[in-house]
C-alpha atoms as a PDB file:
ATOM      1  CA  UNK A   1      -7.502 -10.862 -20.162  1.00  0.00           C
ATOM      2  CA  UNK A   2      -9.688 -11.787 -17.191  1.00  0.00           C
ATOM      3  CA  UNK A   3      -9.483 -15.481 -16.445  1.00  0.00           C
ATOM      4  CA  UNK A   4      -6.250 -16.013 -18.326  1.00  0.00           C
ATOM      5  CA  UNK A   5      -3.113 -17.122 -16.475  1.00  0.00           C
ATOM      6  CA  UNK A   6      -0.450 -14.419 -16.714  1.00  0.00           C
ATOM      7  CA  UNK A   7       3.118 -14.236 -15.644  1.00  0.00           C
ATOM      8  CA  UNK A   8       5.308 -11.197 -15.294  1.00  0.00           C
ATOM      9  CA  UNK A   9       8.966 -10.556 -14.838  1.00  0.00           C
ATOM     10  CA  UNK A  10      10.247  -9.770 -11.361  1.00  0.00           C
ATOM     11  CA  UNK A  11      11.045  -6.229 -12.486  1.00  0.00           C
ATOM     12  CA  UNK A  12       7.436  -5.582 -13.510  1.00  0.00           C
ATOM     13  CA  UNK A  13       6.133  -6.746 -10.139  1.00  0.00           C
ATOM     14  CA  UNK A  14       8.483  -4.785  -7.915  1.00  0.00           C
ATOM     15  CA  UNK A  15       6.493  -2.064  -6.289  1.00  0.00           C
ATOM     16  CA  UNK A  16       8.354   1.169  -5.788  1.00  0.00           C
ATOM     17  CA  UNK A  17       6.682   2.992  -2.926  1.00  0.00           C
ATOM     18  CA  UNK A  18       8.417   6.299  -3.576  1.00  0.00           C
ATOM     19  CA  UNK A  19       7.335   6.275  -7.226  1.00  0.00           C
ATOM     20  CA  UNK A  20       3.754   5.514  -6.203  1.00  0.00           C
ATOM     21  CA  UNK A  21       3.788   8.492  -3.847  1.00  0.00           C
ATOM     22  CA  UNK A  22       5.189  10.801  -6.525  1.00  0.00           C
ATOM     23  CA  UNK A  23       2.732   9.614  -9.192  1.00  0.00           C
ATOM     24  CA  UNK A  24      -0.284   9.971  -6.881  1.00  0.00           C
ATOM     25  CA  UNK A  25       0.167  13.186  -4.872  1.00  0.00           C
ATOM     26  CA  UNK A  26      -3.344  13.290  -3.370  1.00  0.00           C
ATOM     27  CA  UNK A  27      -3.110   9.655  -2.312  1.00  0.00           C
ATOM     28  CA  UNK A  28       0.366  10.338  -0.949  1.00  0.00           C
ATOM     29  CA  UNK A  29      -1.064  12.872   1.504  1.00  0.00           C
ATOM     30  CA  UNK A  30      -3.483  10.255   2.871  1.00  0.00           C
ATOM     31  CA  UNK A  31      -0.792   7.559   3.080  1.00  0.00           C
ATOM     32  CA  UNK A  32       1.693   9.919   4.703  1.00  0.00           C
ATOM     33  CA  UNK A  33      -0.848  10.989   7.322  1.00  0.00           C
ATOM     34  CA  UNK A  34      -1.668   7.340   8.103  1.00  0.00           C
ATOM     35  CA  UNK A  35       2.009   6.510   8.702  1.00  0.00           C
ATOM     36  CA  UNK A  36       2.496   9.695  10.739  1.00  0.00           C
ATOM     37  CA  UNK A  37      -0.505   8.810  12.928  1.00  0.00           C
ATOM     38  CA  UNK A  38       0.964   5.338  13.381  1.00  0.00           C
ATOM     39  CA  UNK A  39       4.302   6.846  14.415  1.00  0.00           C
ATOM     40  CA  UNK A  40       2.691   9.243  16.861  1.00  0.00           C
ATOM     41  CA  UNK A  41       0.639   6.429  18.374  1.00  0.00           C
ATOM     42  CA  UNK A  42       3.789   4.383  18.901  1.00  0.00           C
ATOM     43  CA  UNK A  43       5.383   7.302  20.740  1.00  0.00           C
ATOM     44  CA  UNK A  44       2.828   6.941  23.524  1.00  0.00           C
ATOM     45  CA  UNK A  45       4.914   4.053  24.856  1.00  0.00           C
ATOM     46  CA  UNK A  46       6.144   4.953  28.336  1.00  0.00           C
ATOM     47  CA  UNK A  47       9.286   2.856  27.853  1.00  0.00           C
ATOM     48  CA  UNK A  48      10.685   5.139  25.140  1.00  0.00           C
ATOM     49  CA  UNK A  49      13.032   7.920  26.254  1.00  0.00           C
ATOM     50  CA  UNK A  50      11.422  11.372  26.104  1.00  0.00           C
ATOM     51  CA  UNK A  51      14.265  12.849  23.997  1.00  0.00           C
ATOM     52  CA  UNK A  52      13.710  10.138  21.360  1.00  0.00           C
ATOM     53  CA  UNK A  53       9.973  10.890  21.305  1.00  0.00           C
ATOM     54  CA  UNK A  54      10.673  14.590  20.791  1.00  0.00           C
ATOM     55  CA  UNK A  55      13.187  13.855  18.039  1.00  0.00           C
ATOM     56  CA  UNK A  56      10.744  11.551  16.225  1.00  0.00           C
ATOM     57  CA  UNK A  57       7.938  14.122  16.442  1.00  0.00           C
ATOM     58  CA  UNK A  58      10.159  16.865  15.037  1.00  0.00           C
ATOM     59  CA  UNK A  59      11.715  14.729  12.310  1.00  0.00           C
ATOM     60  CA  UNK A  60       8.388  13.386  11.075  1.00  0.00           C
ATOM     61  CA  UNK A  61       8.432  11.026   8.139  1.00  0.00           C
ATOM     62  CA  UNK A  62       9.682  12.032   4.703  1.00  0.00           C
ATOM     63  CA  UNK A  63       8.568  10.484   1.419  1.00  0.00           C
ATOM     64  CA  UNK A  64      11.705   8.340   1.136  1.00  0.00           C
ATOM     65  CA  UNK A  65      11.032   6.705   4.501  1.00  0.00           C
ATOM     66  CA  UNK A  66       7.381   6.129   3.684  1.00  0.00           C
ATOM     67  CA  UNK A  67       8.372   4.719   0.300  1.00  0.00           C
ATOM     68  CA  UNK A  68      10.755   2.326   2.029  1.00  0.00           C
ATOM     69  CA  UNK A  69       8.031   1.241   4.462  1.00  0.00           C
ATOM     70  CA  UNK A  70       5.666   0.597   1.545  1.00  0.00           C
ATOM     71  CA  UNK A  71       8.333  -1.465  -0.189  1.00  0.00           C
ATOM     72  CA  UNK A  72       9.059  -3.456   2.968  1.00  0.00           C
ATOM     73  CA  UNK A  73       5.447  -4.109   3.932  1.00  0.00           C
ATOM     74  CA  UNK A  74       2.881  -3.156   1.309  1.00  0.00           C
ATOM     75  CA  UNK A  75       0.103  -5.019   3.140  1.00  0.00           C
ATOM     76  CA  UNK A  76      -0.009  -2.175   5.657  1.00  0.00           C
ATOM     77  CA  UNK A  77      -1.589  -0.105   2.925  1.00  0.00           C
ATOM     78  CA  UNK A  78      -4.700  -2.294   3.029  1.00  0.00           C
ATOM     79  CA  UNK A  79      -5.690  -0.456   6.221  1.00  0.00           C
ATOM     80  CA  UNK A  80      -5.078   2.900   4.531  1.00  0.00           C
ATOM     81  CA  UNK A  81      -7.267   1.984   1.568  1.00  0.00           C
ATOM     82  CA  UNK A  82      -9.982   0.467   3.793  1.00  0.00           C
ATOM     83  CA  UNK A  83     -10.113   3.761   5.680  1.00  0.00           C
ATOM     84  CA  UNK A  84     -10.740   5.532   2.383  1.00  0.00           C
ATOM     85  CA  UNK A  85     -13.383   3.000   1.256  1.00  0.00           C
ATOM     86  CA  UNK A  86     -11.152   1.585  -1.459  1.00  0.00           C
ATOM     87  CA  UNK A  87     -11.562  -2.102  -0.728  1.00  0.00           C
ATOM     88  CA  UNK A  88      -9.103  -4.616  -2.161  1.00  0.00           C
ATOM     89  CA  UNK A  89     -10.201  -8.219  -2.415  1.00  0.00           C
ATOM     90  CA  UNK A  90      -7.836 -11.062  -3.323  1.00  0.00           C
ATOM     91  CA  UNK A  91      -9.199 -14.543  -4.011  1.00  0.00           C
ATOM     92  CA  UNK A  92      -7.276 -17.733  -4.551  1.00  0.00           C
ATOM     93  CA  UNK A  93      -8.154 -20.868  -6.469  1.00  0.00           C
ATOM     94  CA  UNK A  94      -6.403 -23.759  -8.194  1.00  0.00           C
ATOM     95  CA  UNK A  95      -5.868 -21.427 -11.177  1.00  0.00           C
ATOM     96  CA  UNK A  96      -4.075 -18.783  -9.127  1.00  0.00           C
ATOM     97  CA  UNK A  97      -5.011 -15.495  -7.491  1.00  0.00           C
ATOM     98  CA  UNK A  98      -7.221 -12.666  -8.728  1.00  0.00           C
ATOM     99  CA  UNK A  99      -7.951  -9.259  -7.247  1.00  0.00           C
ATOM    100  CA  UNK A 100     -10.571  -6.567  -7.580  1.00  0.00           C
ATOM    101  CA  UNK A 101     -11.273  -3.192  -6.074  1.00  0.00           C
ATOM    102  CA  UNK A 102     -14.687  -2.351  -4.617  1.00  0.00           C
ATOM    103  CA  UNK A 103     -16.204  -5.523  -6.076  1.00  0.00           C
ATOM    104  CA  UNK A 104     -15.294  -4.402  -9.590  1.00  0.00           C
ATOM    105  CA  UNK A 105     -14.078  -6.552 -12.452  1.00  0.00           C
ATOM    106  CA  UNK A 106     -11.679  -9.279 -11.425  1.00  0.00           C
ATOM    107  CA  UNK A 107      -8.110  -9.170 -12.647  1.00  0.00           C
ATOM    108  CA  UNK A 108      -6.283 -11.801 -14.608  1.00  0.00           C
ATOM    109  CA  UNK A 109      -4.807 -14.692 -12.643  1.00  0.00           C
ATOM    110  CA  UNK A 110      -1.493 -14.292 -10.852  1.00  0.00           C
ATOM    111  CA  UNK A 111       0.804 -17.097  -9.780  1.00  0.00           C
ATOM    112  CA  UNK A 112       1.052 -15.908  -6.176  1.00  0.00           C
ATOM    113  CA  UNK A 113      -0.973 -13.924  -3.667  1.00  0.00           C
ATOM    114  CA  UNK A 114       1.928 -11.494  -3.289  1.00  0.00           C
ATOM    115  CA  UNK A 115       1.956 -10.733  -7.018  1.00  0.00           C
ATOM    116  CA  UNK A 116      -1.820 -10.197  -7.034  1.00  0.00           C
ATOM    117  CA  UNK A 117      -1.663  -7.963  -3.947  1.00  0.00           C
ATOM    118  CA  UNK A 118       1.160  -5.911  -5.425  1.00  0.00           C
ATOM    119  CA  UNK A 119      -0.780  -5.184  -8.597  1.00  0.00           C
ATOM    120  CA  UNK A 120      -3.963  -4.527  -6.603  1.00  0.00           C
ATOM    121  CA  UNK A 121      -2.168  -1.985  -4.407  1.00  0.00           C
ATOM    122  CA  UNK A 122      -0.761  -0.161  -7.426  1.00  0.00           C
ATOM    123  CA  UNK A 123      -4.282   0.041  -8.863  1.00  0.00           C
ATOM    124  CA  UNK A 124      -5.738   1.082  -5.498  1.00  0.00           C
ATOM    125  CA  UNK A 125      -3.422   4.113  -5.557  1.00  0.00           C
ATOM    126  CA  UNK A 126      -4.941   5.059  -8.919  1.00  0.00           C
ATOM    127  CA  UNK A 127      -8.476   4.522  -7.623  1.00  0.00           C
ATOM    128  CA  UNK A 128      -7.858   6.607  -4.501  1.00  0.00           C
ATOM    129  CA  UNK A 129      -6.217   9.362  -6.538  1.00  0.00           C
ATOM    130  CA  UNK A 130      -9.295   9.596  -8.770  1.00  0.00           C
ATOM    131  CA  UNK A 131     -11.578   9.582  -5.748  1.00  0.00           C
ATOM    132  CA  UNK A 132      -9.823  12.432  -3.903  1.00  0.00           C
END
């Protein structure tokens, strides 16, 4: 299918972060740690009340919250995958957008960058899971 314009329904392209975490438990550990490190780094802000910092440290981040963050901003995962040497590349042309992982085979064409990135991220979870 490489090189052929494809279209998908909205339902097929909706990424469900919580499902990705459940389907890829080893990858989920890496993703969860990345978000936790990000949270802890943000708590170094002197303007935040100390009781809020303590609450946030104790509460941590559960899978549902991480899933929601993935759904809201999946591009943040590019940093997670880069850190694990799972490199996502998205290229655009007049035909549309294609993606690949670690300079592998290019995908079929997608109508938008967002659609290509979404599918690339889903596949990057699979790649990372196999790698771990």
